[in-house]
Amino acid sequence: MSSLTTLARPYAKAAFELALSDGNLAGWDQMLAAVAMVTADSTMVGWLQSPNSTPAKAVEIITAAIGDEVDPRFQGYLGVLADNDRLLICSEISRLYQQLRQQAEKRLEVRVVSATPLQGAQAERMQAALAKRFDCEISLSNDVDPDVLGGAIIYAGDQVIDGSLVGRLNRLEASLN
């Protein structure tokens, strides 16, 4: 997975810079997500890997599949991906681009794993505390996992905050050994 991320990162950064210069972060996000869906299709994967595939034909098919929302700069960007045989990593490029967009727009998607569902007031307090800590707008989602026992595990971007009871017990066990 990390090698896939390493391959995709420069392409995601390039897409972000192009979108930023166009003032169209949301549009590029939608187009990248659409291309990621098209290139993840098993039939498309097979065709892209076949000897009959050419970069120009691949761009033509992909732009036709995602519709008329493709602007010329994005089509040129797809050409670069096709020329460098990187169309099959579009899902990772799209994911990394979304992270860059969230950072630029000072937004963060946070996933909270707790033993029981967060109640309204709890979620609001947690959202406010995380917004203060990360200095950005927080979009909070809650997953329930009874194995957490108590507390919560917070996944915020590339950070993990383990305030769960099971995490504390594991740290206690490690310190005793």
N, C-alpha and C. Protein backbone atom coordinates (compact mmCIF):
# COMPACT_ATOMS: atom_id res chain seq x y z
N MET A 1 0.83 -1.19 0.00
CA MET A 1 0.00 0.00 0.00
C MET A 1 0.86 1.25 0.00
N SER A 2 1.97 1.24 0.77
CA SER A 2 2.79 2.44 0.83
C SER A 2 3.46 2.72 -0.51
N SER A 3 3.81 1.69 -1.29
CA SER A 3 4.40 1.94 -2.60
C SER A 3 3.37 2.54 -3.54
N LEU A 4 2.12 2.13 -3.41
CA LEU A 4 1.04 2.72 -4.20
C LEU A 4 0.87 4.19 -3.84
N THR A 5 0.93 4.49 -2.57
CA THR A 5 0.83 5.88 -2.11
C THR A 5 2.02 6.69 -2.62
N THR A 6 3.20 6.10 -2.59
CA THR A 6 4.40 6.78 -3.08
C THR A 6 4.28 7.09 -4.57
N LEU A 7 3.73 6.17 -5.34
CA LEU A 7 3.53 6.41 -6.77
C LEU A 7 2.48 7.48 -7.02
N ALA A 8 1.42 7.46 -6.23
CA ALA A 8 0.27 8.35 -6.46
C ALA A 8 0.50 9.77 -5.95
N ARG A 9 1.32 9.94 -4.94
CA ARG A 9 1.47 11.25 -4.29
C ARG A 9 1.85 12.39 -5.25
N PRO A 10 2.86 12.24 -6.11
CA PRO A 10 3.18 13.37 -6.99
C PRO A 10 2.05 13.71 -7.97
N TYR A 11 1.30 12.72 -8.38
CA TYR A 11 0.18 12.97 -9.30
C TYR A 11 -0.97 13.67 -8.57
N ALA A 12 -1.19 13.31 -7.32
CA ALA A 12 -2.22 13.98 -6.52
C ALA A 12 -1.82 15.43 -6.27
N LYS A 13 -0.55 15.65 -5.96
CA LYS A 13 -0.08 17.03 -5.74
C LYS A 13 -0.19 17.85 -7.01
N ALA A 14 0.15 17.26 -8.14
CA ALA A 14 0.04 17.98 -9.41
C ALA A 14 -1.42 18.33 -9.70
N ALA A 15 -2.32 17.38 -9.48
CA ALA A 15 -3.75 17.64 -9.69
C ALA A 15 -4.22 18.76 -8.77
N PHE A 16 -3.77 18.73 -7.53
CA PHE A 16 -4.17 19.76 -6.57
C PHE A 16 -3.68 21.14 -7.02
N GLU A 17 -2.44 21.21 -7.46
CA GLU A 17 -1.89 22.49 -7.92
C GLU A 17 -2.64 23.02 -9.14
N LEU A 18 -2.97 22.13 -10.07
CA LEU A 18 -3.74 22.54 -11.25
C LEU A 18 -5.13 23.02 -10.85
N ALA A 19 -5.78 22.28 -9.97
CA ALA A 19 -7.12 22.65 -9.52
C ALA A 19 -7.09 23.97 -8.75
N LEU A 20 -6.06 24.15 -7.95
CA LEU A 20 -5.92 25.38 -7.17
C LEU A 20 -5.72 26.58 -8.09
N SER A 21 -4.91 26.40 -9.12
CA SER A 21 -4.68 27.50 -10.06
C SER A 21 -5.93 27.80 -10.88
N ASP A 22 -6.77 26.78 -11.09
CA ASP A 22 -8.05 26.98 -11.80
C ASP A 22 -9.13 27.50 -10.86
N GLY A 23 -8.89 27.45 -9.55
CA GLY A 23 -9.92 27.81 -8.58
C GLY A 23 -11.08 26.83 -8.61
N ASN A 24 -10.78 25.56 -8.86
CA ASN A 24 -11.82 24.55 -9.03
C ASN A 24 -11.49 23.28 -8.24
N LEU A 25 -11.25 23.41 -6.95
CA LEU A 25 -10.90 22.24 -6.14
C LEU A 25 -12.02 21.21 -6.14
N ALA A 26 -13.26 21.65 -6.00
CA ALA A 26 -14.39 20.73 -5.94
C ALA A 26 -14.58 20.02 -7.28
N GLY A 27 -14.46 20.75 -8.36
CA GLY A 27 -14.64 20.15 -9.69
C GLY A 27 -13.62 19.07 -9.98
N TRP A 28 -12.36 19.35 -9.66
CA TRP A 28 -11.32 18.35 -9.86
C TRP A 28 -11.54 17.15 -8.95
N ASP A 29 -12.01 17.39 -7.75
CA ASP A 29 -12.30 16.30 -6.82
C ASP A 29 -13.34 15.36 -7.44
N GLN A 30 -14.40 15.95 -7.99
CA GLN A 30 -15.46 15.14 -8.62
C GLN A 30 -14.94 14.39 -9.84
N MET A 31 -14.15 15.07 -10.67
CA MET A 31 -13.62 14.41 -11.86
C MET A 31 -12.66 13.28 -11.50
N LEU A 32 -11.80 13.50 -10.50
CA LEU A 32 -10.88 12.44 -10.07
C LEU A 32 -11.64 11.25 -9.49
N ALA A 33 -12.68 11.53 -8.71
CA ALA A 33 -13.48 10.44 -8.14
C ALA A 33 -14.17 9.65 -9.25
N ALA A 34 -14.67 10.34 -10.27
CA ALA A 34 -15.32 9.66 -11.39
C ALA A 34 -14.32 8.79 -12.15
N VAL A 35 -13.13 9.32 -12.39
CA VAL A 35 -12.10 8.54 -13.09
C VAL A 35 -11.69 7.33 -12.24
N ALA A 36 -11.61 7.52 -10.93
CA ALA A 36 -11.26 6.40 -10.04
C ALA A 36 -12.30 5.29 -10.14
N MET A 37 -13.57 5.66 -10.22
CA MET A 37 -14.62 4.64 -10.36
C MET A 37 -14.50 3.91 -11.69
N VAL A 38 -14.26 4.65 -12.76
CA VAL A 38 -14.15 4.04 -14.09
C VAL A 38 -12.95 3.11 -14.16
N THR A 39 -11.81 3.56 -13.65
CA THR A 39 -10.59 2.75 -13.75
C THR A 39 -10.55 1.59 -12.75
N ALA A 40 -11.49 1.58 -11.81
CA ALA A 40 -11.56 0.45 -10.88
C ALA A 40 -12.43 -0.68 -11.42
N ASP A 41 -13.18 -0.42 -12.48
CA ASP A 41 -14.02 -1.45 -13.08
C ASP A 41 -13.15 -2.57 -13.65
N SER A 42 -13.53 -3.80 -13.38
CA SER A 42 -12.68 -4.93 -13.77
C SER A 42 -12.51 -5.03 -15.29
N THR A 43 -13.53 -4.70 -16.04
CA THR A 43 -13.40 -4.72 -17.50
C THR A 43 -12.41 -3.67 -17.97
N MET A 44 -12.49 -2.48 -17.38
CA MET A 44 -11.57 -1.40 -17.74
C MET A 44 -10.14 -1.77 -17.34
N VAL A 45 -9.97 -2.36 -16.16
CA VAL A 45 -8.63 -2.78 -15.72
C VAL A 45 -8.04 -3.74 -16.74
N GLY A 46 -8.84 -4.72 -17.15
CA GLY A 46 -8.37 -5.69 -18.14
C GLY A 46 -7.97 -5.03 -19.44
N TRP A 47 -8.79 -4.08 -19.90
CA TRP A 47 -8.47 -3.40 -21.16
C TRP A 47 -7.22 -2.53 -21.01
N LEU A 48 -7.09 -1.81 -19.90
CA LEU A 48 -5.92 -0.95 -19.71
C LEU A 48 -4.63 -1.77 -19.65
N GLN A 49 -4.73 -3.01 -19.18
CA GLN A 49 -3.54 -3.86 -19.09
C GLN A 49 -3.27 -4.64 -20.37
N SER A 50 -4.19 -4.56 -21.33
CA SER A 50 -4.03 -5.32 -22.57
C SER A 50 -3.09 -4.60 -23.53
N PRO A 51 -2.49 -5.33 -24.47
CA PRO A 51 -1.62 -4.70 -25.46
C PRO A 51 -2.39 -3.81 -26.45
N ASN A 52 -3.70 -3.95 -26.51
CA ASN A 52 -4.51 -3.14 -27.42
C ASN A 52 -4.74 -1.72 -26.90
N SER A 53 -4.43 -1.51 -25.65
CA SER A 53 -4.65 -0.21 -25.01
C SER A 53 -3.56 0.78 -25.42
N THR A 54 -3.99 1.98 -25.78
CA THR A 54 -3.04 3.06 -26.05
C THR A 54 -3.41 4.22 -25.13
N PRO A 55 -2.46 5.07 -24.77
CA PRO A 55 -2.79 6.19 -23.89
C PRO A 55 -3.89 7.09 -24.44
N ALA A 56 -3.83 7.41 -25.73
CA ALA A 56 -4.85 8.30 -26.33
C ALA A 56 -6.23 7.66 -26.29
N LYS A 57 -6.30 6.38 -26.61
CA LYS A 57 -7.59 5.68 -26.61
C LYS A 57 -8.11 5.56 -25.17
N ALA A 58 -7.22 5.32 -24.21
CA ALA A 58 -7.63 5.22 -22.81
C ALA A 58 -8.25 6.53 -22.34
N VAL A 59 -7.62 7.65 -22.66
CA VAL A 59 -8.15 8.96 -22.26
C VAL A 59 -9.50 9.20 -22.93
N GLU A 60 -9.60 8.83 -24.20
CA GLU A 60 -10.86 9.01 -24.93
C GLU A 60 -11.99 8.21 -24.29
N ILE A 61 -11.72 6.96 -23.94
CA ILE A 61 -12.75 6.10 -23.34
C ILE A 61 -13.13 6.61 -21.95
N ILE A 62 -12.15 7.00 -21.16
CA ILE A 62 -12.43 7.46 -19.80
C ILE A 62 -13.21 8.76 -19.81
N THR A 63 -12.82 9.70 -20.66
CA THR A 63 -13.56 10.97 -20.70
C THR A 63 -14.98 10.75 -21.21
N ALA A 64 -15.17 9.82 -22.15
CA ALA A 64 -16.52 9.51 -22.62
C ALA A 64 -17.34 8.88 -21.50
N ALA A 65 -16.69 8.05 -20.69
CA ALA A 65 -17.40 7.35 -19.60
C ALA A 65 -17.83 8.30 -18.49
N ILE A 66 -17.02 9.31 -18.20
CA ILE A 66 -17.39 10.20 -17.09
C ILE A 66 -18.25 11.37 -17.53
N GLY A 67 -18.44 11.53 -18.82
CA GLY A 67 -19.40 12.53 -19.28
C GLY A 67 -18.76 13.83 -19.72
N ASP A 68 -19.60 14.84 -19.87
CA ASP A 68 -19.16 16.10 -20.46
C ASP A 68 -18.57 17.08 -19.46
N GLU A 69 -18.35 16.66 -18.22
CA GLU A 69 -17.84 17.57 -17.21
C GLU A 69 -16.31 17.69 -17.23
N VAL A 70 -15.65 17.11 -18.21
CA VAL A 70 -14.20 17.10 -18.26
C VAL A 70 -13.70 18.36 -18.96
N ASP A 71 -12.92 19.16 -18.23
CA ASP A 71 -12.37 20.35 -18.87
C ASP A 71 -11.04 19.99 -19.55
N PRO A 72 -10.57 20.83 -20.47
CA PRO A 72 -9.37 20.51 -21.25
C PRO A 72 -8.11 20.27 -20.40
N ARG A 73 -7.95 21.04 -19.33
CA ARG A 73 -6.76 20.83 -18.47
C ARG A 73 -6.81 19.47 -17.80
N PHE A 74 -8.00 19.07 -17.37
CA PHE A 74 -8.13 17.76 -16.74
C PHE A 74 -7.86 16.66 -17.76
N GLN A 75 -8.33 16.86 -18.97
CA GLN A 75 -8.09 15.88 -20.02
C GLN A 75 -6.59 15.77 -20.30
N GLY A 76 -5.88 16.89 -20.28
CA GLY A 76 -4.42 16.86 -20.42
C GLY A 76 -3.76 16.12 -19.27
N TYR A 77 -4.28 16.34 -18.07
CA TYR A 77 -3.77 15.63 -16.89
C TYR A 77 -3.97 14.12 -17.06
N LEU A 78 -5.14 13.72 -17.54
CA LEU A 78 -5.39 12.29 -17.80
C LEU A 78 -4.40 11.74 -18.83
N GLY A 79 -4.07 12.57 -19.81
CA GLY A 79 -3.09 12.16 -20.81
C GLY A 79 -1.74 11.87 -20.19
N VAL A 80 -1.33 12.70 -19.24
CA VAL A 80 -0.06 12.47 -18.54
C VAL A 80 -0.13 11.16 -17.75
N LEU A 81 -1.25 10.93 -17.06
CA LEU A 81 -1.41 9.67 -16.32
C LEU A 81 -1.33 8.48 -17.27
N ALA A 82 -2.02 8.58 -18.41
CA ALA A 82 -2.03 7.48 -19.37
C ALA A 82 -0.63 7.25 -19.96
N ASP A 83 0.06 8.34 -20.32
CA ASP A 83 1.41 8.21 -20.89
C ASP A 83 2.38 7.55 -19.92
N ASN A 84 2.18 7.80 -18.63
CA ASN A 84 3.07 7.22 -17.61
C ASN A 84 2.52 5.94 -17.00
N ASP A 85 1.48 5.39 -17.62
CA ASP A 85 0.88 4.12 -17.17
C ASP A 85 0.44 4.18 -15.70
N ARG A 86 -0.25 5.27 -15.35
CA ARG A 86 -0.69 5.48 -13.96
C ARG A 86 -2.21 5.55 -13.81
N LEU A 87 -2.94 5.20 -14.85
CA LEU A 87 -4.41 5.27 -14.74
C LEU A 87 -4.96 4.29 -13.70
N LEU A 88 -4.27 3.18 -13.49
CA LEU A 88 -4.77 2.18 -12.54
C LEU A 88 -4.59 2.58 -11.08
N ILE A 89 -3.89 3.69 -10.82
CA ILE A 89 -3.74 4.15 -9.44
C ILE A 89 -4.62 5.38 -9.16
N CYS A 90 -5.60 5.60 -10.02
CA CYS A 90 -6.46 6.78 -9.86
C CYS A 90 -7.23 6.78 -8.54
N SER A 91 -7.57 5.63 -8.01
CA SER A 91 -8.27 5.58 -6.72
C SER A 91 -7.40 6.17 -5.62
N GLU A 92 -6.14 5.83 -5.62
CA GLU A 92 -5.21 6.35 -4.61
C GLU A 92 -4.93 7.84 -4.87
N ILE A 93 -4.80 8.21 -6.12
CA ILE A 93 -4.60 9.63 -6.45
C ILE A 93 -5.79 10.44 -5.94
N SER A 94 -7.00 9.94 -6.17
CA SER A 94 -8.21 10.63 -5.73
C SER A 94 -8.24 10.76 -4.21
N ARG A 95 -7.87 9.69 -3.51
CA ARG A 95 -7.86 9.71 -2.04
C ARG A 95 -6.87 10.74 -1.51
N LEU A 96 -5.68 10.77 -2.08
CA LEU A 96 -4.66 11.72 -1.64
C LEU A 96 -5.06 13.16 -2.00
N TYR A 97 -5.67 13.33 -3.15
CA TYR A 97 -6.16 14.65 -3.54
C TYR A 97 -7.20 15.16 -2.54
N GLN A 98 -8.10 14.28 -2.13
CA GLN A 98 -9.13 14.68 -1.15
C GLN A 98 -8.49 15.13 0.15
N GLN A 99 -7.42 14.47 0.57
CA GLN A 99 -6.71 14.89 1.78
C GLN A 99 -6.11 16.28 1.61
N LEU A 100 -5.49 16.51 0.46
CA LEU A 100 -4.91 17.83 0.19
C LEU A 100 -5.99 18.91 0.16
N ARG A 101 -7.12 18.58 -0.43
CA ARG A 101 -8.23 19.55 -0.49
C ARG A 101 -8.75 19.85 0.91
N GLN A 102 -8.90 18.83 1.72
CA GLN A 102 -9.38 19.05 3.08
C GLN A 102 -8.42 19.93 3.87
N GLN A 103 -7.13 19.70 3.71
CA GLN A 103 -6.14 20.53 4.40
C GLN A 103 -6.24 21.98 3.95
N ALA A 104 -6.38 22.19 2.66
CA ALA A 104 -6.46 23.55 2.12
C ALA A 104 -7.73 24.26 2.59
N GLU A 105 -8.82 23.51 2.71
CA GLU A 105 -10.09 24.09 3.13
C GLU A 105 -10.29 24.02 4.64
N LYS A 106 -9.23 23.59 5.34
CA LYS A 106 -9.27 23.47 6.81
C LYS A 106 -10.47 22.65 7.27
N ARG A 107 -10.60 21.46 6.67
CA ARG A 107 -11.62 20.51 7.05
C ARG A 107 -10.93 19.19 7.39
N LEU A 108 -11.54 18.43 8.29
CA LEU A 108 -10.97 17.15 8.67
C LEU A 108 -12.09 16.17 8.96
N GLU A 109 -12.00 15.01 8.34
CA GLU A 109 -12.96 13.94 8.63
C GLU A 109 -12.38 13.10 9.76
N VAL A 110 -13.16 12.95 10.81
CA VAL A 110 -12.72 12.23 12.00
C VAL A 110 -13.67 11.06 12.22
N ARG A 111 -13.07 9.88 12.45
CA ARG A 111 -13.85 8.69 12.76
C ARG A 111 -13.59 8.33 14.22
N VAL A 112 -14.65 8.21 14.98
CA VAL A 112 -14.56 7.86 16.40
C VAL A 112 -15.12 6.45 16.57
N VAL A 113 -14.30 5.57 17.13
CA VAL A 113 -14.74 4.20 17.41
C VAL A 113 -14.94 4.11 18.91
N SER A 114 -16.17 3.77 19.31
CA SER A 114 -16.50 3.68 20.74
C SER A 114 -17.31 2.42 21.00
N ALA A 115 -17.40 2.05 22.27
CA ALA A 115 -18.13 0.83 22.64
C ALA A 115 -19.63 1.00 22.46
N THR A 116 -20.11 2.21 22.66
CA THR A 116 -21.53 2.52 22.49
C THR A 116 -21.66 3.75 21.59
N PRO A 117 -22.80 3.94 20.95
CA PRO A 117 -22.95 5.12 20.08
C PRO A 117 -22.81 6.42 20.87
N LEU A 118 -22.18 7.41 20.27
CA LEU A 118 -22.07 8.72 20.90
C LEU A 118 -23.45 9.38 20.92
N GLN A 119 -23.79 9.96 22.04
CA GLN A 119 -25.03 10.71 22.16
C GLN A 119 -24.82 12.11 21.61
N GLY A 120 -25.86 12.82 21.33
CA GLY A 120 -25.78 14.15 20.72
C GLY A 120 -24.84 15.10 21.42
N ALA A 121 -24.98 15.24 22.73
CA ALA A 121 -24.15 16.17 23.50
C ALA A 121 -22.68 15.71 23.50
N GLN A 122 -22.47 14.40 23.63
CA GLN A 122 -21.10 13.87 23.62
C GLN A 122 -20.43 14.18 22.28
N ALA A 123 -21.15 13.92 21.21
CA ALA A 123 -20.61 14.15 19.87
C ALA A 123 -20.29 15.63 19.67
N GLU A 124 -21.16 16.51 20.13
CA GLU A 124 -20.94 17.95 19.98
C GLU A 124 -19.72 18.40 20.76
N ARG A 125 -19.57 17.91 22.01
CA ARG A 125 -18.40 18.27 22.81
C ARG A 125 -17.11 17.76 22.17
N MET A 126 -17.16 16.52 21.68
CA MET A 126 -15.98 15.94 21.05
C MET A 126 -15.64 16.71 19.77
N GLN A 127 -16.64 17.06 19.00
CA GLN A 127 -16.42 17.79 17.76
C GLN A 127 -15.81 19.16 18.05
N ALA A 128 -16.31 19.84 19.08
CA ALA A 128 -15.79 21.16 19.46
C ALA A 128 -14.34 21.05 19.94
N ALA A 129 -14.05 20.03 20.75
CA ALA A 129 -12.68 19.85 21.27
C ALA A 129 -11.71 19.53 20.14
N LEU A 130 -12.13 18.68 19.21
CA LEU A 130 -11.27 18.33 18.08
C LEU A 130 -11.07 19.51 17.14
N ALA A 131 -12.12 20.32 16.94
CA ALA A 131 -12.00 21.51 16.10
C ALA A 131 -10.98 22.47 16.70
N LYS A 132 -10.99 22.60 18.02
CA LYS A 132 -10.04 23.47 18.69
C LYS A 132 -8.61 22.90 18.57
N ARG A 133 -8.48 21.60 18.78
CA ARG A 133 -7.16 20.96 18.75
C ARG A 133 -6.54 21.02 17.35
N PHE A 134 -7.33 20.75 16.32
CA PHE A 134 -6.80 20.69 14.96
C PHE A 134 -6.99 21.99 14.19
N ASP A 135 -7.66 22.95 14.80
CA ASP A 135 -7.90 24.27 14.19
C ASP A 135 -8.51 24.14 12.79
N CYS A 136 -9.60 23.37 12.72
CA CYS A 136 -10.31 23.23 11.45
C CYS A 136 -11.73 22.73 11.72
N GLU A 137 -12.52 22.74 10.65
CA GLU A 137 -13.89 22.24 10.74
C GLU A 137 -13.84 20.71 10.78
N ILE A 138 -14.59 20.13 11.69
CA ILE A 138 -14.57 18.69 11.89
C ILE A 138 -15.86 18.06 11.39
N SER A 139 -15.71 17.00 10.62
CA SER A 139 -16.84 16.17 10.21
C SER A 139 -16.68 14.86 10.96
N LEU A 140 -17.60 14.59 11.88
CA LEU A 140 -17.46 13.47 12.81
C LEU A 140 -18.35 12.31 12.41
N SER A 141 -17.77 11.10 12.38
CA SER A 141 -18.57 9.89 12.20
C SER A 141 -18.24 8.95 13.36
N ASN A 142 -19.19 8.12 13.71
CA ASN A 142 -19.05 7.24 14.87
C ASN A 142 -19.29 5.80 14.46
N ASP A 143 -18.33 4.94 14.76
CA ASP A 143 -18.47 3.50 14.58
C ASP A 143 -18.51 2.87 15.95
N VAL A 144 -19.34 1.85 16.10
CA VAL A 144 -19.47 1.16 17.37
C VAL A 144 -18.73 -0.16 17.30
N ASP A 145 -17.87 -0.39 18.29
CA ASP A 145 -17.12 -1.65 18.40
C ASP A 145 -17.08 -2.02 19.88
N PRO A 146 -17.86 -3.03 20.28
CA PRO A 146 -17.90 -3.41 21.70
C PRO A 146 -16.55 -3.83 22.27
N ASP A 147 -15.61 -4.24 21.41
CA ASP A 147 -14.29 -4.66 21.87
C ASP A 147 -13.48 -3.50 22.45
N VAL A 148 -13.89 -2.26 22.20
CA VAL A 148 -13.20 -1.09 22.75
C VAL A 148 -13.40 -1.04 24.26
N LEU A 149 -14.47 -1.61 24.77
CA LEU A 149 -14.85 -1.70 26.18
C LEU A 149 -15.31 -0.37 26.76
N GLY A 150 -14.57 0.68 26.60
CA GLY A 150 -14.91 1.99 27.11
C GLY A 150 -14.01 3.02 26.50
N GLY A 151 -14.36 4.29 26.60
CA GLY A 151 -13.56 5.33 25.98
C GLY A 151 -13.76 5.33 24.49
N ALA A 152 -12.75 5.77 23.75
CA ALA A 152 -12.87 5.85 22.29
C ALA A 152 -11.50 5.86 21.64
N ILE A 153 -11.49 5.46 20.38
CA ILE A 153 -10.31 5.57 19.54
C ILE A 153 -10.68 6.57 18.45
N ILE A 154 -9.85 7.59 18.27
CA ILE A 154 -10.16 8.67 17.33
C ILE A 154 -9.16 8.61 16.19
N TYR A 155 -9.68 8.51 14.97
CA TYR A 155 -8.87 8.52 13.76
C TYR A 155 -9.08 9.87 13.08
N ALA A 156 -8.07 10.73 13.15
CA ALA A 156 -8.15 12.07 12.59
C ALA A 156 -7.02 12.24 11.58
N GLY A 157 -7.35 12.10 10.32
CA GLY A 157 -6.32 12.16 9.29
C GLY A 157 -5.33 11.03 9.48
N ASP A 158 -4.07 11.36 9.63
CA ASP A 158 -3.05 10.32 9.83
C ASP A 158 -2.71 10.13 11.31
N GLN A 159 -3.50 10.75 12.19
CA GLN A 159 -3.26 10.60 13.62
C GLN A 159 -4.30 9.67 14.25
N VAL A 160 -3.85 8.90 15.24
CA VAL A 160 -4.74 8.02 16.00
C VAL A 160 -4.58 8.39 17.46
N ILE A 161 -5.69 8.68 18.10
CA ILE A 161 -5.70 8.99 19.53
C ILE A 161 -6.45 7.85 20.21
N ASP A 162 -5.73 7.03 20.94
CA ASP A 162 -6.34 5.86 21.58
C ASP A 162 -6.63 6.18 23.04
N GLY A 163 -7.86 6.53 23.33
CA GLY A 163 -8.31 6.78 24.69
C GLY A 163 -9.24 5.68 25.15
N SER A 164 -9.11 4.50 24.54
CA SER A 164 -10.00 3.39 24.88
C SER A 164 -9.50 2.65 26.11
N LEU A 165 -10.40 1.99 26.76
CA LEU A 165 -10.06 1.18 27.93
C LEU A 165 -9.15 0.02 27.52
N VAL A 166 -9.44 -0.61 26.40
CA VAL A 166 -8.61 -1.73 25.95
C VAL A 166 -7.20 -1.22 25.61
N GLY A 167 -7.08 -0.02 25.05
CA GLY A 167 -5.77 0.57 24.78
C GLY A 167 -4.99 0.83 26.05
N ARG A 168 -5.67 1.33 27.05
CA ARG A 168 -5.02 1.59 28.34
C ARG A 168 -4.55 0.29 28.98
N LEU A 169 -5.40 -0.75 28.90
CA LEU A 169 -5.02 -2.05 29.46
C LEU A 169 -3.81 -2.62 28.72
N ASN A 170 -3.77 -2.46 27.41
CA ASN A 170 -2.62 -2.95 26.62
C ASN A 170 -1.35 -2.20 27.00
N ARG A 171 -1.44 -0.88 27.21
CA ARG A 171 -0.26 -0.11 27.61
C ARG A 171 0.19 -0.50 29.01
N LEU A 172 -0.75 -0.75 29.91
CA LEU A 172 -0.41 -1.20 31.26
C LEU A 172 0.29 -2.54 31.22
N GLU A 173 -0.23 -3.46 30.41
CA GLU A 173 0.39 -4.78 30.26
C GLU A 173 1.81 -4.65 29.73
N ALA A 174 1.99 -3.80 28.74
CA ALA A 174 3.32 -3.62 28.15
C ALA A 174 4.30 -3.04 29.17
N SER A 175 3.82 -2.12 30.01
CA SER A 175 4.73 -1.53 31.00
C SER A 175 5.07 -2.51 32.12
N LEU A 176 4.20 -3.46 32.39
CA LEU A 176 4.46 -4.46 33.42
C LEU A 176 5.42 -5.55 32.93
N ASN A 177 5.46 -5.76 31.63
CA ASN A 177 6.34 -6.83 31.09
C ASN A 177 7.74 -6.35 30.88
